Amino acid sequence: MPKKNIEELKKEIKKLVSEIAEVSEDELKEDARFTEDLGIDSMMALEIIASLEKKYKLIIPEEKIPTIRSLKNVYDLLEELYLKE
């Protein structure tokens, strides 16, 4: 399966996060903080992580999870994990 380019990846991630967070994609800015700005609680955060792991068939290291505080953090992490394979 060919790797997706980063723009496709970002679009998919944004859609996934907006569905779980119940926030429209328009409201979901790259630098919006999950907890403070979007009201994403720990259960939603775990759902986002689990969905990303399943969709992209990767494992997000536990020590990286606390660094995921915004959509931009998700993009950066996925880029690092997904594109390095």
PDB file of N, CA and C in Angstrom:
ATOM      1  N   MET A   1       0.840  -1.180   0.000  1.00  0.00           N
ATOM      2  CA  MET A   1       0.000   0.000   0.000  1.00  0.00           C
ATOM      3  C   MET A   1       0.888   1.247   0.000  1.00  0.00           C
ATOM      4  N   PRO A   2       0.667   2.150  -0.952  1.00  0.00           N
ATOM      5  CA  PRO A   2       1.516   3.342  -0.988  1.00  0.00           C
ATOM      6  C   PRO A   2       1.228   4.268   0.188  1.00  0.00           C
ATOM      7  N   LYS A   3       2.265   4.944   0.630  1.00  0.00           N
ATOM      8  CA  LYS A   3       2.105   5.905   1.729  1.00  0.00           C
ATOM      9  C   LYS A   3       1.282   7.086   1.232  1.00  0.00           C
ATOM     10  N   LYS A   4       0.489   7.630   2.115  1.00  0.00           N
ATOM     11  CA  LYS A   4      -0.276   8.825   1.774  1.00  0.00           C
ATOM     12  C   LYS A   4       0.636  10.034   1.932  1.00  0.00           C
ATOM     13  N   ASN A   5       0.348  11.063   1.164  1.00  0.00           N
ATOM     14  CA  ASN A   5       1.142  12.270   1.383  1.00  0.00           C
ATOM     15  C   ASN A   5       0.636  12.964   2.641  1.00  0.00           C
ATOM     16  N   ILE A   6       1.407  13.891   3.130  1.00  0.00           N
ATOM     17  CA  ILE A   6       1.120  14.497   4.428  1.00  0.00           C
ATOM     18  C   ILE A   6      -0.196  15.282   4.409  1.00  0.00           C
ATOM     19  N   GLU A   7      -0.543  15.883   3.276  1.00  0.00           N
ATOM     20  CA  GLU A   7      -1.806  16.633   3.209  1.00  0.00           C
ATOM     21  C   GLU A   7      -3.011  15.707   3.333  1.00  0.00           C
ATOM     22  N   GLU A   8      -2.964  14.558   2.663  1.00  0.00           N
ATOM     23  CA  GLU A   8      -4.042  13.564   2.781  1.00  0.00           C
ATOM     24  C   GLU A   8      -4.151  13.095   4.225  1.00  0.00           C
ATOM     25  N   LEU A   9      -3.003  12.837   4.818  1.00  0.00           N
ATOM     26  CA  LEU A   9      -2.938  12.374   6.194  1.00  0.00           C
ATOM     27  C   LEU A   9      -3.579  13.401   7.130  1.00  0.00           C
ATOM     28  N   LYS A  10      -3.222  14.666   6.958  1.00  0.00           N
ATOM     29  CA  LYS A  10      -3.768  15.725   7.808  1.00  0.00           C
ATOM     30  C   LYS A  10      -5.288  15.814   7.671  1.00  0.00           C
ATOM     31  N   LYS A  11      -5.781  15.693   6.454  1.00  0.00           N
ATOM     32  CA  LYS A  11      -7.229  15.756   6.216  1.00  0.00           C
ATOM     33  C   LYS A  11      -7.945  14.632   6.962  1.00  0.00           C
ATOM     34  N   GLU A  12      -7.408  13.425   6.842  1.00  0.00           N
ATOM     35  CA  GLU A  12      -8.010  12.264   7.508  1.00  0.00           C
ATOM     36  C   GLU A  12      -7.971  12.411   9.031  1.00  0.00           C
ATOM     37  N   ILE A  13      -6.853  12.864   9.544  1.00  0.00           N
ATOM     38  CA  ILE A  13      -6.698  13.027  10.994  1.00  0.00           C
ATOM     39  C   ILE A  13      -7.660  14.083  11.507  1.00  0.00           C
ATOM     40  N   LYS A  14      -7.769  15.183  10.790  1.00  0.00           N
ATOM     41  CA  LYS A  14      -8.654  16.270  11.202  1.00  0.00           C
ATOM     42  C   LYS A  14     -10.101  15.779  11.251  1.00  0.00           C
ATOM     43  N   LYS A  15     -10.493  15.005  10.245  1.00  0.00           N
ATOM     44  CA  LYS A  15     -11.863  14.460  10.191  1.00  0.00           C
ATOM     45  C   LYS A  15     -12.096  13.535  11.390  1.00  0.00           C
ATOM     46  N   LEU A  16     -11.145  12.655  11.644  1.00  0.00           N
ATOM     47  CA  LEU A  16     -11.262  11.707  12.750  1.00  0.00           C
ATOM     48  C   LEU A  16     -11.375  12.440  14.095  1.00  0.00           C
ATOM     49  N   VAL A  17     -10.509  13.412  14.328  1.00  0.00           N
ATOM     50  CA  VAL A  17     -10.520  14.162  15.593  1.00  0.00           C
ATOM     51  C   VAL A  17     -11.819  14.953  15.721  1.00  0.00           C
ATOM     52  N   SER A  18     -12.271  15.560  14.636  1.00  0.00           N
ATOM     53  CA  SER A  18     -13.505  16.362  14.716  1.00  0.00           C
ATOM     54  C   SER A  18     -14.708  15.475  15.043  1.00  0.00           C
ATOM     55  N   GLU A  19     -14.738  14.256  14.508  1.00  0.00           N
ATOM     56  CA  GLU A  19     -15.844  13.337  14.810  1.00  0.00           C
ATOM     57  C   GLU A  19     -15.836  12.926  16.279  1.00  0.00           C
ATOM     58  N   ILE A  20     -14.683  12.570  16.793  1.00  0.00           N
ATOM     59  CA  ILE A  20     -14.589  12.131  18.188  1.00  0.00           C
ATOM     60  C   ILE A  20     -14.862  13.294  19.145  1.00  0.00           C
ATOM     61  N   ALA A  21     -14.319  14.472  18.813  1.00  0.00           N
ATOM     62  CA  ALA A  21     -14.470  15.635  19.690  1.00  0.00           C
ATOM     63  C   ALA A  21     -15.829  16.317  19.528  1.00  0.00           C
ATOM     64  N   GLU A  22     -16.572  15.883  18.496  1.00  0.00           N
ATOM     65  CA  GLU A  22     -17.862  16.491  18.181  1.00  0.00           C
ATOM     66  C   GLU A  22     -17.720  17.994  17.968  1.00  0.00           C
ATOM     67  N   VAL A  23     -16.713  18.342  17.171  1.00  0.00           N
ATOM     68  CA  VAL A  23     -16.424  19.724  16.809  1.00  0.00           C
ATOM     69  C   VAL A  23     -16.356  19.752  15.284  1.00  0.00           C
ATOM     70  N   SER A  24     -16.899  20.799  14.670  1.00  0.00           N
ATOM     71  CA  SER A  24     -16.843  20.854  13.208  1.00  0.00           C
ATOM     72  C   SER A  24     -15.395  21.023  12.753  1.00  0.00           C
ATOM     73  N   GLU A  25     -15.107  20.516  11.559  1.00  0.00           N
ATOM     74  CA  GLU A  25     -13.738  20.613  11.042  1.00  0.00           C
ATOM     75  C   GLU A  25     -13.315  22.075  10.904  1.00  0.00           C
ATOM     76  N   ASP A  26     -14.268  22.967  10.646  1.00  0.00           N
ATOM     77  CA  ASP A  26     -13.954  24.398  10.522  1.00  0.00           C
ATOM     78  C   ASP A  26     -13.466  24.971  11.848  1.00  0.00           C
ATOM     79  N   GLU A  27     -14.050  24.503  12.942  1.00  0.00           N
ATOM     80  CA  GLU A  27     -13.665  24.991  14.273  1.00  0.00           C
ATOM     81  C   GLU A  27     -12.334  24.405  14.740  1.00  0.00           C
ATOM     82  N   LEU A  28     -11.970  23.296  14.152  1.00  0.00           N
ATOM     83  CA  LEU A  28     -10.794  22.553  14.603  1.00  0.00           C
ATOM     84  C   LEU A  28      -9.526  23.137  13.989  1.00  0.00           C
ATOM     85  N   LYS A  29      -8.949  24.092  14.678  1.00  0.00           N
ATOM     86  CA  LYS A  29      -7.724  24.738  14.205  1.00  0.00           C
ATOM     87  C   LYS A  29      -6.516  23.926  14.667  1.00  0.00           C
ATOM     88  N   GLU A  30      -5.439  24.001  13.889  1.00  0.00           N
ATOM     89  CA  GLU A  30      -4.228  23.231  14.204  1.00  0.00           C
ATOM     90  C   GLU A  30      -3.702  23.480  15.602  1.00  0.00           C
ATOM     91  N   ASP A  31      -3.793  24.737  16.052  1.00  0.00           N
ATOM     92  CA  ASP A  31      -3.201  25.072  17.340  1.00  0.00           C
ATOM     93  C   ASP A  31      -4.215  25.112  18.485  1.00  0.00           C
ATOM     94  N   ALA A  32      -5.466  24.719  18.210  1.00  0.00           N
ATOM     95  CA  ALA A  32      -6.467  24.674  19.289  1.00  0.00           C
ATOM     96  C   ALA A  32      -6.059  23.581  20.276  1.00  0.00           C
ATOM     97  N   ARG A  33      -6.032  23.940  21.544  1.00  0.00           N
ATOM     98  CA  ARG A  33      -5.644  22.959  22.568  1.00  0.00           C
ATOM     99  C   ARG A  33      -6.837  22.044  22.841  1.00  0.00           C
ATOM    100  N   PHE A  34      -6.567  20.752  22.858  1.00  0.00           N
ATOM    101  CA  PHE A  34      -7.641  19.775  23.004  1.00  0.00           C
ATOM    102  C   PHE A  34      -8.482  19.998  24.257  1.00  0.00           C
ATOM    103  N   THR A  35      -7.837  20.068  25.394  1.00  0.00           N
ATOM    104  CA  THR A  35      -8.573  20.169  26.647  1.00  0.00           C
ATOM    105  C   THR A  35      -9.157  21.555  26.848  1.00  0.00           C
ATOM    106  N   GLU A  36      -8.292  22.559  26.805  1.00  0.00           N
ATOM    107  CA  GLU A  36      -8.709  23.918  27.135  1.00  0.00           C
ATOM    108  C   GLU A  36      -9.655  24.524  26.105  1.00  0.00           C
ATOM    109  N   ASP A  37      -9.367  24.349  24.807  1.00  0.00           N
ATOM    110  CA  ASP A  37     -10.153  25.012  23.768  1.00  0.00           C
ATOM    111  C   ASP A  37     -11.303  24.163  23.236  1.00  0.00           C
ATOM    112  N   LEU A  38     -11.112  22.848  23.225  1.00  0.00           N
ATOM    113  CA  LEU A  38     -12.103  21.984  22.579  1.00  0.00           C
ATOM    114  C   LEU A  38     -12.881  21.105  23.558  1.00  0.00           C
ATOM    115  N   GLY A  39     -12.469  21.097  24.820  1.00  0.00           N
ATOM    116  CA  GLY A  39     -13.186  20.304  25.815  1.00  0.00           C
ATOM    117  C   GLY A  39     -13.030  18.803  25.647  1.00  0.00           C
ATOM    118  N   ILE A  40     -11.924  18.381  25.049  1.00  0.00           N
ATOM    119  CA  ILE A  40     -11.677  16.950  24.876  1.00  0.00           C
ATOM    120  C   ILE A  40     -11.209  16.386  26.216  1.00  0.00           C
ATOM    121  N   ASP A  41     -11.947  15.402  26.719  1.00  0.00           N
ATOM    122  CA  ASP A  41     -11.570  14.796  27.995  1.00  0.00           C
ATOM    123  C   ASP A  41     -10.647  13.595  27.763  1.00  0.00           C
ATOM    124  N   SER A  42     -10.227  12.968  28.855  1.00  0.00           N
ATOM    125  CA  SER A  42      -9.246  11.885  28.730  1.00  0.00           C
ATOM    126  C   SER A  42      -9.805  10.693  27.957  1.00  0.00           C
ATOM    127  N   MET A  43     -11.101  10.425  28.086  1.00  0.00           N
ATOM    128  CA  MET A  43     -11.696   9.303  27.346  1.00  0.00           C
ATOM    129  C   MET A  43     -11.686   9.590  25.845  1.00  0.00           C
ATOM    130  N   MET A  44     -12.006  10.819  25.471  1.00  0.00           N
ATOM    131  CA  MET A  44     -11.964  11.191  24.049  1.00  0.00           C
ATOM    132  C   MET A  44     -10.534  11.115  23.527  1.00  0.00           C
ATOM    133  N   ALA A  45      -9.595  11.565  24.343  1.00  0.00           N
ATOM    134  CA  ALA A  45      -8.187  11.537  23.941  1.00  0.00           C
ATOM    135  C   ALA A  45      -7.736  10.096  23.684  1.00  0.00           C
ATOM    136  N   LEU A  46      -8.135   9.194  24.565  1.00  0.00           N
ATOM    137  CA  LEU A  46      -7.782   7.782  24.372  1.00  0.00           C
ATOM    138  C   LEU A  46      -8.438   7.221  23.115  1.00  0.00           C
ATOM    139  N   GLU A  47      -9.660   7.640  22.848  1.00  0.00           N
ATOM    140  CA  GLU A  47     -10.360   7.190  21.645  1.00  0.00           C
ATOM    141  C   GLU A  47      -9.638   7.692  20.388  1.00  0.00           C
ATOM    142  N   ILE A  48      -9.174   8.935  20.436  1.00  0.00           N
ATOM    143  CA  ILE A  48      -8.425   9.488  19.305  1.00  0.00           C
ATOM    144  C   ILE A  48      -7.155   8.665  19.075  1.00  0.00           C
ATOM    145  N   ILE A  49      -6.429   8.405  20.143  1.00  0.00           N
ATOM    146  CA  ILE A  49      -5.176   7.641  20.037  1.00  0.00           C
ATOM    147  C   ILE A  49      -5.439   6.233  19.507  1.00  0.00           C
ATOM    148  N   ALA A  50      -6.444   5.562  20.070  1.00  0.00           N
ATOM    149  CA  ALA A  50      -6.770   4.203  19.627  1.00  0.00           C
ATOM    150  C   ALA A  50      -7.183   4.196  18.154  1.00  0.00           C
ATOM    151  N   SER A  51      -7.958   5.184  17.748  1.00  0.00           N
ATOM    152  CA  SER A  51      -8.408   5.263  16.353  1.00  0.00           C
ATOM    153  C   SER A  51      -7.238   5.488  15.403  1.00  0.00           C
ATOM    154  N   LEU A  52      -6.317   6.347  15.806  1.00  0.00           N
ATOM    155  CA  LEU A  52      -5.139   6.604  14.976  1.00  0.00           C
ATOM    156  C   LEU A  52      -4.279   5.345  14.852  1.00  0.00           C
ATOM    157  N   GLU A  53      -4.088   4.665  15.967  1.00  0.00           N
ATOM    158  CA  GLU A  53      -3.272   3.440  15.950  1.00  0.00           C
ATOM    159  C   GLU A  53      -3.897   2.394  15.035  1.00  0.00           C
ATOM    160  N   LYS A  54      -5.202   2.246  15.130  1.00  0.00           N
ATOM    161  CA  LYS A  54      -5.897   1.241  14.326  1.00  0.00           C
ATOM    162  C   LYS A  54      -5.885   1.615  12.844  1.00  0.00           C
ATOM    163  N   LYS A  55      -6.220   2.860  12.549  1.00  0.00           N
ATOM    164  CA  LYS A  55      -6.312   3.310  11.162  1.00  0.00           C
ATOM    165  C   LYS A  55      -4.976   3.236  10.436  1.00  0.00           C
ATOM    166  N   TYR A  56      -3.914   3.635  11.118  1.00  0.00           N
ATOM    167  CA  TYR A  56      -2.597   3.695  10.471  1.00  0.00           C
ATOM    168  C   TYR A  56      -1.677   2.545  10.854  1.00  0.00           C
ATOM    169  N   LYS A  57      -2.230   1.579  11.582  1.00  0.00           N
ATOM    170  CA  LYS A  57      -1.490   0.375  11.959  1.00  0.00           C
ATOM    171  C   LYS A  57      -0.126   0.711  12.580  1.00  0.00           C
ATOM    172  N   LEU A  58      -0.183   1.551  13.614  1.00  0.00           N
ATOM    173  CA  LEU A  58       1.048   1.872  14.324  1.00  0.00           C
ATOM    174  C   LEU A  58       0.767   1.943  15.808  1.00  0.00           C
ATOM    175  N   ILE A  59       1.844   2.022  16.555  1.00  0.00           N
ATOM    176  CA  ILE A  59       1.724   2.103  18.009  1.00  0.00           C
ATOM    177  C   ILE A  59       2.307   3.439  18.442  1.00  0.00           C
ATOM    178  N   ILE A  60       1.500   4.200  19.148  1.00  0.00           N
ATOM    179  CA  ILE A  60       1.977   5.473  19.678  1.00  0.00           C
ATOM    180  C   ILE A  60       2.614   5.171  21.034  1.00  0.00           C
ATOM    181  N   PRO A  61       3.917   5.427  21.171  1.00  0.00           N
ATOM    182  CA  PRO A  61       4.597   5.130  22.435  1.00  0.00           C
ATOM    183  C   PRO A  61       3.951   5.882  23.602  1.00  0.00           C
ATOM    184  N   GLU A  62       3.820   5.197  24.726  1.00  0.00           N
ATOM    185  CA  GLU A  62       3.156   5.786  25.895  1.00  0.00           C
ATOM    186  C   GLU A  62       3.758   7.119  26.312  1.00  0.00           C
ATOM    187  N   GLU A  63       5.080   7.246  26.195  1.00  0.00           N
ATOM    188  CA  GLU A  63       5.706   8.493  26.628  1.00  0.00           C
ATOM    189  C   GLU A  63       5.368   9.670  25.713  1.00  0.00           C
ATOM    190  N   LYS A  64       4.861   9.376  24.503  1.00  0.00           N
ATOM    191  CA  LYS A  64       4.482  10.438  23.565  1.00  0.00           C
ATOM    192  C   LYS A  64       3.062  10.951  23.834  1.00  0.00           C
ATOM    193  N   ILE A  65       2.240  10.142  24.473  1.00  0.00           N
ATOM    194  CA  ILE A  65       0.828  10.496  24.658  1.00  0.00           C
ATOM    195  C   ILE A  65       0.634  11.840  25.372  1.00  0.00           C
ATOM    196  N   PRO A  66       1.358  12.130  26.442  1.00  0.00           N
ATOM    197  CA  PRO A  66       1.149  13.439  27.092  1.00  0.00           C
ATOM    198  C   PRO A  66       1.516  14.636  26.215  1.00  0.00           C
ATOM    199  N   THR A  67       2.277  14.416  25.150  1.00  0.00           N
ATOM    200  CA  THR A  67       2.668  15.530  24.273  1.00  0.00           C
ATOM    201  C   THR A  67       1.577  15.883  23.270  1.00  0.00           C
ATOM    202  N   ILE A  68       0.538  15.063  23.209  1.00  0.00           N
ATOM    203  CA  ILE A  68      -0.531  15.290  22.236  1.00  0.00           C
ATOM    204  C   ILE A  68      -1.555  16.232  22.850  1.00  0.00           C
ATOM    205  N   ARG A  69      -1.385  17.515  22.552  1.00  0.00           N
ATOM    206  CA  ARG A  69      -2.263  18.522  23.151  1.00  0.00           C
ATOM    207  C   ARG A  69      -3.033  19.322  22.126  1.00  0.00           C
ATOM    208  N   SER A  70      -2.704  19.141  20.840  1.00  0.00           N
ATOM    209  CA  SER A  70      -3.389  19.882  19.785  1.00  0.00           C
ATOM    210  C   SER A  70      -3.333  19.069  18.497  1.00  0.00           C
ATOM    211  N   LEU A  71      -4.074  19.517  17.517  1.00  0.00           N
ATOM    212  CA  LEU A  71      -4.072  18.838  16.227  1.00  0.00           C
ATOM    213  C   LEU A  71      -2.676  18.864  15.617  1.00  0.00           C
ATOM    214  N   LYS A  72      -1.978  19.974  15.788  1.00  0.00           N
ATOM    215  CA  LYS A  72      -0.614  20.076  15.254  1.00  0.00           C
ATOM    216  C   LYS A  72       0.290  19.016  15.886  1.00  0.00           C
ATOM    217  N   ASN A  73       0.130  18.772  17.189  1.00  0.00           N
ATOM    218  CA  ASN A  73       0.916  17.719  17.849  1.00  0.00           C
ATOM    219  C   ASN A  73       0.619  16.357  17.229  1.00  0.00           C
ATOM    220  N   VAL A  74      -0.653  16.113  16.925  1.00  0.00           N
ATOM    221  CA  VAL A  74      -1.041  14.838  16.305  1.00  0.00           C
ATOM    222  C   VAL A  74      -0.380  14.732  14.933  1.00  0.00           C
ATOM    223  N   TYR A  75      -0.460  15.803  14.145  1.00  0.00           N
ATOM    224  CA  TYR A  75       0.159  15.792  12.816  1.00  0.00           C
ATOM    225  C   TYR A  75       1.646  15.475  12.913  1.00  0.00           C
ATOM    226  N   ASP A  76       2.336  16.183  13.802  1.00  0.00           N
ATOM    227  CA  ASP A  76       3.783  16.003  13.937  1.00  0.00           C
ATOM    228  C   ASP A  76       4.135  14.568  14.340  1.00  0.00           C
ATOM    229  N   LEU A  77       3.393  14.053  15.300  1.00  0.00           N
ATOM    230  CA  LEU A  77       3.657  12.702  15.788  1.00  0.00           C
ATOM    231  C   LEU A  77       3.380  11.658  14.711  1.00  0.00           C
ATOM    232  N   LEU A  78       2.248  11.801  14.026  1.00  0.00           N
ATOM    233  CA  LEU A  78       1.896  10.840  12.984  1.00  0.00           C
ATOM    234  C   LEU A  78       2.893  10.902  11.835  1.00  0.00           C
ATOM    235  N   GLU A  79       3.312  12.103  11.517  1.00  0.00           N
ATOM    236  CA  GLU A  79       4.302  12.273  10.455  1.00  0.00           C
ATOM    237  C   GLU A  79       5.576  11.516  10.840  1.00  0.00           C
ATOM    238  N   GLU A  80       5.988  11.689  12.080  1.00  0.00           N
ATOM    239  CA  GLU A  80       7.203  11.030  12.583  1.00  0.00           C
ATOM    240  C   GLU A  80       7.049   9.508  12.568  1.00  0.00           C
ATOM    241  N   LEU A  81       5.917   9.005  13.071  1.00  0.00           N
ATOM    242  CA  LEU A  81       5.735   7.550  13.175  1.00  0.00           C
ATOM    243  C   LEU A  81       5.345   6.898  11.856  1.00  0.00           C
ATOM    244  N   TYR A  82       4.461   7.520  11.125  1.00  0.00           N
ATOM    245  CA  TYR A  82       3.893   6.917   9.922  1.00  0.00           C
ATOM    246  C   TYR A  82       4.852   6.994   8.734  1.00  0.00           C
ATOM    247  N   LEU A  83       5.474   8.136   8.582  1.00  0.00           N
ATOM    248  CA  LEU A  83       6.313   8.327   7.398  1.00  0.00           C
ATOM    249  C   LEU A  83       7.704   7.733   7.543  1.00  0.00           C
ATOM    250  N   LYS A  84       8.098   7.395   8.772  1.00  0.00           N
ATOM    251  CA  LYS A  84       9.452   6.844   8.954  1.00  0.00           C
ATOM    252  C   LYS A  84       9.510   5.360   8.620  1.00  0.00           C
ATOM    253  N   GLU A  85       8.345   4.718   8.559  1.00  0.00           N
ATOM    254  CA  GLU A  85       8.332   3.259   8.321  1.00  0.00           C
ATOM    255  C   GLU A  85       8.934   2.907   6.972  1.00  0.00           C
TER     256      GLU A  85
END
